[in-house]
Amino acid sequence: MSAEAPTRRRSGTVTLSGATRPSATKTVAAIGVASAVLLFAGCSTFPSDGEVVTGADGEQYILPDGTERPVYASRDDCIADVAEQLEKLRQEGEPVDDSPESLCESSDTYNGHYSSGVWLGPLLFASSRWDSPRVSSWAPVAGGGFAAPGSAAHSDVVEKAPAGSKVGTRAPLTGGFGSSGKGGFGSSAKAVSGGHGTFGG
């Protein structure tokens, strides 16, 4: 995670009581898998800015530094692994509203940005990868390597750049998790391991 003071971003509201994140005391709204993974790993802050890049759909987005994706040898591996990670998050009370099918994409959609014939999981914030024997590698994400038309695998990591933004410049991430950087996420959530996955924060 960035050494700067990152800003928390999210699309819903989560209120945590105490330091242990008991699910019974949460008031929740559904969040994306990348945000939930970061919270599950014990990381209570999110990137505050990123680089303006062009997505595969031709639109300009702000991409946080260090964004990456898990790479799989097959669609079945991707769906099985992402389903397992989502189930772990839900068991911990993270209100993830995504499906494995919507978060797995063929690399062929991205015209040479990744090895051909492999499958890609969702975009994840830096330092939030999980440990799984199904993941063959982790691919850094650059311009053109996300946001294929109709893609749901990137929606809570990147955001549309303001009109007039110039590719290659830095821009603040303002939407989603609350631009004040205050409140919302407990600061002592612990990393949890089990089964095939270990989330790092």
C-alpha atoms as a PDB file:
ATOM      1  CA  MET A   1       0.000   0.000   0.000  1.00  0.00           C
ATOM      2  CA  SER A   2       1.027   3.554  -0.620  1.00  0.00           C
ATOM      3  CA  ALA A   3       3.192   5.349   1.917  1.00  0.00           C
ATOM      4  CA  GLU A   4       1.047   8.427   1.431  1.00  0.00           C
ATOM      5  CA  ALA A   5      -2.087   8.954   3.490  1.00  0.00           C
ATOM      6  CA  PRO A   6      -4.589   7.133   1.287  1.00  0.00           C
ATOM      7  CA  THR A   7      -8.235   8.020   1.160  1.00  0.00           C
ATOM      8  CA  ARG A   8     -10.921   5.463   1.813  1.00  0.00           C
ATOM      9  CA  ARG A   9     -13.297   4.905  -1.087  1.00  0.00           C
ATOM     10  CA  ARG A  10     -16.381   2.781  -1.250  1.00  0.00           C
ATOM     11  CA  SER A  11     -19.805   2.604  -2.808  1.00  0.00           C
ATOM     12  CA  GLY A  12     -21.728   1.705   0.321  1.00  0.00           C
ATOM     13  CA  THR A  13     -21.679   2.468   4.014  1.00  0.00           C
ATOM     14  CA  VAL A  14     -20.161   0.139   6.573  1.00  0.00           C
ATOM     15  CA  THR A  15     -20.295   0.920  10.254  1.00  0.00           C
ATOM     16  CA  LEU A  16     -18.067  -1.130  12.512  1.00  0.00           C
ATOM     17  CA  SER A  17     -18.424  -1.404  16.261  1.00  0.00           C
ATOM     18  CA  GLY A  18     -15.353  -2.174  18.340  1.00  0.00           C
ATOM     19  CA  ALA A  19     -12.085  -3.516  16.993  1.00  0.00           C
ATOM     20  CA  THR A  20     -12.940  -7.030  15.879  1.00  0.00           C
ATOM     21  CA  ARG A  21     -15.480  -6.443  13.112  1.00  0.00           C
ATOM     22  CA  PRO A  22     -18.255  -8.714  14.456  1.00  0.00           C
ATOM     23  CA  SER A  23     -20.757  -9.137  11.644  1.00  0.00           C
ATOM     24  CA  ALA A  24     -23.741  -8.775  13.954  1.00  0.00           C
ATOM     25  CA  THR A  25     -22.832  -5.132  14.617  1.00  0.00           C
ATOM     26  CA  LYS A  26     -22.342  -4.101  10.987  1.00  0.00           C
ATOM     27  CA  THR A  27     -24.653  -1.938   8.984  1.00  0.00           C
ATOM     28  CA  VAL A  28     -23.766  -2.891   5.441  1.00  0.00           C
ATOM     29  CA  ALA A  29     -24.256  -2.144   1.788  1.00  0.00           C
ATOM     30  CA  ALA A  30     -22.862  -4.398  -0.911  1.00  0.00           C
ATOM     31  CA  ILE A  31     -19.281  -3.738  -1.971  1.00  0.00           C
ATOM     32  CA  GLY A  32     -17.057  -5.070  -4.726  1.00  0.00           C
ATOM     33  CA  VAL A  33     -14.643  -7.942  -4.292  1.00  0.00           C
ATOM     34  CA  ALA A  34     -11.479  -5.806  -4.432  1.00  0.00           C
ATOM     35  CA  SER A  35     -12.694  -3.587  -1.593  1.00  0.00           C
ATOM     36  CA  ALA A  36     -13.812  -6.552   0.474  1.00  0.00           C
ATOM     37  CA  VAL A  37     -10.473  -8.318  -0.002  1.00  0.00           C
ATOM     38  CA  LEU A  38      -8.607  -5.247   1.187  1.00  0.00           C
ATOM     39  CA  LEU A  39     -10.827  -4.935   4.249  1.00  0.00           C
ATOM     40  CA  PHE A  40     -10.591  -8.667   4.953  1.00  0.00           C
ATOM     41  CA  ALA A  41      -6.798  -8.405   4.831  1.00  0.00           C
ATOM     42  CA  GLY A  42      -6.868  -5.830   7.605  1.00  0.00           C
ATOM     43  CA  CYS A  43      -6.136  -2.834   5.362  1.00  0.00           C
ATOM     44  CA  SER A  44      -8.418   0.012   6.337  1.00  0.00           C
ATOM     45  CA  THR A  45      -7.177   2.544   3.798  1.00  0.00           C
ATOM     46  CA  PHE A  46      -7.547   2.766   0.053  1.00  0.00           C
ATOM     47  CA  PRO A  47      -5.497   4.539  -2.626  1.00  0.00           C
ATOM     48  CA  SER A  48      -6.121   8.259  -2.844  1.00  0.00           C
ATOM     49  CA  ASP A  49      -5.020   8.756  -6.446  1.00  0.00           C
ATOM     50  CA  GLY A  50      -3.801   7.039  -9.576  1.00  0.00           C
ATOM     51  CA  GLU A  51      -2.657   7.509 -13.146  1.00  0.00           C
ATOM     52  CA  VAL A  52      -5.027   8.480 -15.924  1.00  0.00           C
ATOM     53  CA  VAL A  53      -5.035   5.659 -18.483  1.00  0.00           C
ATOM     54  CA  THR A  54      -7.262   4.495 -21.307  1.00  0.00           C
ATOM     55  CA  GLY A  55      -9.339   1.369 -20.725  1.00  0.00           C
ATOM     56  CA  ALA A  56     -10.088  -1.271 -23.335  1.00  0.00           C
ATOM     57  CA  ASP A  57     -13.387   0.491 -24.000  1.00  0.00           C
ATOM     58  CA  GLY A  58     -11.565   3.671 -25.090  1.00  0.00           C
ATOM     59  CA  GLU A  59     -12.660   5.635 -22.013  1.00  0.00           C
ATOM     60  CA  GLN A  60     -10.224   7.333 -19.640  1.00  0.00           C
ATOM     61  CA  TYR A  61      -9.930   6.000 -16.096  1.00  0.00           C
ATOM     62  CA  ILE A  62      -7.903   6.648 -12.956  1.00  0.00           C
ATOM     63  CA  LEU A  63      -5.928   3.470 -12.215  1.00  0.00           C
ATOM     64  CA  PRO A  64      -4.418   3.078  -8.710  1.00  0.00           C
ATOM     65  CA  ASP A  65      -0.710   2.186  -8.544  1.00  0.00           C
ATOM     66  CA  GLY A  66       0.099  -1.506  -8.202  1.00  0.00           C
ATOM     67  CA  THR A  67      -3.256  -2.785  -9.439  1.00  0.00           C
ATOM     68  CA  GLU A  68      -3.040  -6.425 -10.516  1.00  0.00           C
ATOM     69  CA  ARG A  69      -5.142  -9.432 -11.521  1.00  0.00           C
ATOM     70  CA  PRO A  70      -4.892 -13.154 -10.810  1.00  0.00           C
ATOM     71  CA  VAL A  71      -4.237 -15.242 -13.934  1.00  0.00           C
ATOM     72  CA  TYR A  72      -5.655 -18.740 -14.442  1.00  0.00           C
ATOM     73  CA  ALA A  73      -5.028 -21.531 -16.925  1.00  0.00           C
ATOM     74  CA  SER A  74      -8.746 -22.081 -17.523  1.00  0.00           C
ATOM     75  CA  ARG A  75     -12.158 -20.537 -17.013  1.00  0.00           C
ATOM     76  CA  ASP A  76     -13.057 -23.347 -14.615  1.00  0.00           C
ATOM     77  CA  ASP A  77     -10.024 -22.568 -12.438  1.00  0.00           C
ATOM     78  CA  CYS A  78     -10.909 -18.887 -12.377  1.00  0.00           C
ATOM     79  CA  ILE A  79     -14.544 -19.436 -11.463  1.00  0.00           C
ATOM     80  CA  ALA A  80     -13.722 -22.042  -8.797  1.00  0.00           C
ATOM     81  CA  ASP A  81     -11.048 -19.873  -7.179  1.00  0.00           C
ATOM     82  CA  VAL A  82     -12.986 -16.621  -7.259  1.00  0.00           C
ATOM     83  CA  ALA A  83     -16.041 -18.455  -5.873  1.00  0.00           C
ATOM     84  CA  GLU A  84     -13.903 -19.733  -2.995  1.00  0.00           C
ATOM     85  CA  GLN A  85     -12.540 -16.260  -2.229  1.00  0.00           C
ATOM     86  CA  LEU A  86     -16.027 -14.725  -2.332  1.00  0.00           C
ATOM     87  CA  GLU A  87     -17.332 -17.396   0.029  1.00  0.00           C
ATOM     88  CA  LYS A  88     -14.536 -16.662   2.521  1.00  0.00           C
ATOM     89  CA  LEU A  89     -15.396 -12.970   2.416  1.00  0.00           C
ATOM     90  CA  ARG A  90     -19.093 -13.640   2.944  1.00  0.00           C
ATOM     91  CA  GLN A  91     -18.380 -15.973   5.849  1.00  0.00           C
ATOM     92  CA  GLU A  92     -16.476 -13.101   7.464  1.00  0.00           C
ATOM     93  CA  GLY A  93     -19.463 -10.840   6.998  1.00  0.00           C
ATOM     94  CA  GLU A  94     -18.133  -8.797   4.069  1.00  0.00           C
ATOM     95  CA  PRO A  95     -21.191  -7.922   1.931  1.00  0.00           C
ATOM     96  CA  VAL A  96     -19.799  -8.805  -1.498  1.00  0.00           C
ATOM     97  CA  ASP A  97     -22.284  -8.453  -4.322  1.00  0.00           C
ATOM     98  CA  ASP A  98     -20.400 -10.092  -7.210  1.00  0.00           C
ATOM     99  CA  SER A  99     -20.525 -13.429  -8.989  1.00  0.00           C
ATOM    100  CA  PRO A 100     -17.509 -15.510 -10.074  1.00  0.00           C
ATOM    101  CA  GLU A 101     -18.829 -15.598 -13.634  1.00  0.00           C
ATOM    102  CA  SER A 102     -18.897 -11.803 -13.858  1.00  0.00           C
ATOM    103  CA  LEU A 103     -15.381 -11.492 -12.409  1.00  0.00           C
ATOM    104  CA  CYS A 104     -13.608 -13.911 -14.763  1.00  0.00           C
ATOM    105  CA  GLU A 105     -12.615 -12.706 -18.230  1.00  0.00           C
ATOM    106  CA  SER A 106     -10.751 -14.228 -21.156  1.00  0.00           C
ATOM    107  CA  SER A 107      -7.375 -12.620 -21.803  1.00  0.00           C
ATOM    108  CA  ASP A 108      -8.221 -12.698 -25.521  1.00  0.00           C
ATOM    109  CA  THR A 109     -10.548  -9.743 -24.855  1.00  0.00           C
ATOM    110  CA  TYR A 110      -7.506  -7.552 -24.190  1.00  0.00           C
ATOM    111  CA  ASN A 111      -5.548  -7.837 -27.447  1.00  0.00           C
ATOM    112  CA  GLY A 112      -2.066  -8.791 -26.307  1.00  0.00           C
ATOM    113  CA  HIS A 113      -2.037  -7.181 -22.855  1.00  0.00           C
ATOM    114  CA  TYR A 114      -1.818 -10.639 -21.292  1.00  0.00           C
ATOM    115  CA  SER A 115      -0.765 -14.095 -22.456  1.00  0.00           C
ATOM    116  CA  SER A 116      -3.321 -15.508 -24.880  1.00  0.00           C
ATOM    117  CA  GLY A 117      -5.652 -18.301 -23.881  1.00  0.00           C
ATOM    118  CA  VAL A 118      -5.635 -17.609 -20.136  1.00  0.00           C
ATOM    119  CA  TRP A 119      -8.358 -16.322 -17.831  1.00  0.00           C
ATOM    120  CA  LEU A 120      -8.210 -13.229 -15.652  1.00  0.00           C
ATOM    121  CA  GLY A 121      -9.794 -12.648 -12.278  1.00  0.00           C
ATOM    122  CA  PRO A 122     -10.879  -9.257 -10.938  1.00  0.00           C
ATOM    123  CA  LEU A 123      -8.649  -6.221 -10.584  1.00  0.00           C
ATOM    124  CA  LEU A 124      -7.316  -5.943  -7.041  1.00  0.00           C
ATOM    125  CA  PHE A 125      -5.674  -3.123  -5.140  1.00  0.00           C
ATOM    126  CA  ALA A 126      -1.951  -3.417  -4.467  1.00  0.00           C
ATOM    127  CA  SER A 127      -0.996  -5.746  -1.606  1.00  0.00           C
ATOM    128  CA  SER A 128      -4.333  -7.552  -1.532  1.00  0.00           C
ATOM    129  CA  ARG A 129      -3.527 -10.683  -3.532  1.00  0.00           C
ATOM    130  CA  TRP A 130      -4.507 -14.054  -2.113  1.00  0.00           C
ATOM    131  CA  ASP A 131      -2.560 -17.279  -1.962  1.00  0.00           C
ATOM    132  CA  SER A 132      -4.140 -20.026  -4.073  1.00  0.00           C
ATOM    133  CA  PRO A 133      -2.755 -23.009  -5.975  1.00  0.00           C
ATOM    134  CA  ARG A 134      -5.188 -22.265  -8.795  1.00  0.00           C
ATOM    135  CA  VAL A 135      -3.581 -18.881  -9.558  1.00  0.00           C
ATOM    136  CA  SER A 136      -0.816 -19.419 -12.135  1.00  0.00           C
ATOM    137  CA  SER A 137       0.532 -15.849 -11.814  1.00  0.00           C
ATOM    138  CA  TRP A 138      -0.369 -12.269 -10.957  1.00  0.00           C
ATOM    139  CA  ALA A 139      -0.433  -9.758 -13.806  1.00  0.00           C
ATOM    140  CA  PRO A 140       0.141  -6.031 -13.357  1.00  0.00           C
ATOM    141  CA  VAL A 141      -2.628  -3.963 -14.902  1.00  0.00           C
ATOM    142  CA  ALA A 142      -1.911  -1.140 -17.329  1.00  0.00           C
ATOM    143  CA  GLY A 143      -3.942   0.964 -19.731  1.00  0.00           C
ATOM    144  CA  GLY A 144      -5.976  -1.227 -22.071  1.00  0.00           C
ATOM    145  CA  GLY A 145      -5.779  -4.172 -19.671  1.00  0.00           C
ATOM    146  CA  PHE A 146      -9.206  -3.652 -18.107  1.00  0.00           C
ATOM    147  CA  ALA A 147     -12.670  -2.265 -18.845  1.00  0.00           C
ATOM    148  CA  ALA A 148     -13.573  -4.337 -21.856  1.00  0.00           C
ATOM    149  CA  PRO A 149     -17.112  -3.351 -22.858  1.00  0.00           C
ATOM    150  CA  GLY A 150     -19.474  -4.888 -20.333  1.00  0.00           C
ATOM    151  CA  SER A 151     -16.731  -5.865 -17.890  1.00  0.00           C
ATOM    152  CA  ALA A 152     -17.699  -6.079 -14.230  1.00  0.00           C
ATOM    153  CA  ALA A 153     -14.193  -7.108 -13.122  1.00  0.00           C
ATOM    154  CA  HIS A 154     -12.878  -3.586 -12.556  1.00  0.00           C
ATOM    155  CA  SER A 155     -15.751  -1.482 -11.326  1.00  0.00           C
ATOM    156  CA  ASP A 156     -14.659  -0.896  -7.723  1.00  0.00           C
ATOM    157  CA  VAL A 157     -10.945  -0.329  -8.366  1.00  0.00           C
ATOM    158  CA  VAL A 158     -10.807   2.241 -11.139  1.00  0.00           C
ATOM    159  CA  GLU A 159     -13.082   5.187 -11.758  1.00  0.00           C
ATOM    160  CA  LYS A 160     -13.798   7.357 -14.761  1.00  0.00           C
ATOM    161  CA  ALA A 161     -11.373  10.250 -15.118  1.00  0.00           C
ATOM    162  CA  PRO A 162     -12.804  13.776 -15.157  1.00  0.00           C
ATOM    163  CA  ALA A 163     -13.476  15.313 -18.541  1.00  0.00           C
ATOM    164  CA  GLY A 164     -10.351  16.878 -20.002  1.00  0.00           C
ATOM    165  CA  SER A 165      -7.941  14.607 -18.101  1.00  0.00           C
ATOM    166  CA  LYS A 166      -4.664  13.885 -19.850  1.00  0.00           C
ATOM    167  CA  VAL A 167      -3.401  10.301 -20.123  1.00  0.00           C
ATOM    168  CA  GLY A 168      -0.264   9.813 -18.031  1.00  0.00           C
ATOM    169  CA  THR A 169      -1.107  12.453 -15.439  1.00  0.00           C
ATOM    170  CA  ARG A 170      -2.059  11.822 -11.803  1.00  0.00           C
ATOM    171  CA  ALA A 171      -5.600  12.369 -10.592  1.00  0.00           C
ATOM    172  CA  PRO A 172      -7.380  11.914  -7.261  1.00  0.00           C
ATOM    173  CA  LEU A 173      -9.783   9.047  -6.728  1.00  0.00           C
ATOM    174  CA  THR A 174     -12.858  10.788  -5.446  1.00  0.00           C
ATOM    175  CA  GLY A 175     -15.805   8.417  -5.774  1.00  0.00           C
ATOM    176  CA  GLY A 176     -16.955   5.377  -3.975  1.00  0.00           C
ATOM    177  CA  PHE A 177     -15.585   4.892  -0.493  1.00  0.00           C
ATOM    178  CA  GLY A 178     -16.030   8.343   0.995  1.00  0.00           C
ATOM    179  CA  SER A 179     -13.669  11.097  -0.012  1.00  0.00           C
ATOM    180  CA  SER A 180     -13.104  12.398   3.503  1.00  0.00           C
ATOM    181  CA  GLY A 181     -10.897   9.445   4.414  1.00  0.00           C
ATOM    182  CA  LYS A 182     -12.604   9.299   7.811  1.00  0.00           C
ATOM    183  CA  GLY A 183     -14.899   6.732   9.334  1.00  0.00           C
ATOM    184  CA  GLY A 184     -16.271   3.552   7.937  1.00  0.00           C
ATOM    185  CA  PHE A 185     -13.691   0.811   8.317  1.00  0.00           C
ATOM    186  CA  GLY A 186     -12.225  -0.622  11.523  1.00  0.00           C
ATOM    187  CA  SER A 187      -8.459  -0.221  11.682  1.00  0.00           C
ATOM    188  CA  SER A 188      -7.636  -3.484  13.377  1.00  0.00           C
ATOM    189  CA  ALA A 189      -9.291  -6.012  11.113  1.00  0.00           C
ATOM    190  CA  LYS A 190      -7.055  -9.037  11.000  1.00  0.00           C
ATOM    191  CA  ALA A 191      -5.643 -11.017   8.109  1.00  0.00           C
ATOM    192  CA  VAL A 192      -7.268 -14.425   7.911  1.00  0.00           C
ATOM    193  CA  SER A 193      -6.020 -17.597   6.336  1.00  0.00           C
ATOM    194  CA  GLY A 194      -7.671 -20.893   5.711  1.00  0.00           C
ATOM    195  CA  GLY A 195      -8.307 -23.428   2.984  1.00  0.00           C
ATOM    196  CA  HIS A 196      -6.355 -22.470  -0.102  1.00  0.00           C
ATOM    197  CA  GLY A 197      -6.232 -18.708   0.388  1.00  0.00           C
ATOM    198  CA  THR A 198      -4.410 -16.233   2.554  1.00  0.00           C
ATOM    199  CA  PHE A 199      -5.212 -12.559   2.172  1.00  0.00           C
ATOM    200  CA  GLY A 200      -2.357 -10.154   2.672  1.00  0.00           C
ATOM    201  CA  GLY A 201      -2.653  -6.506   3.581  1.00  0.00           C
END
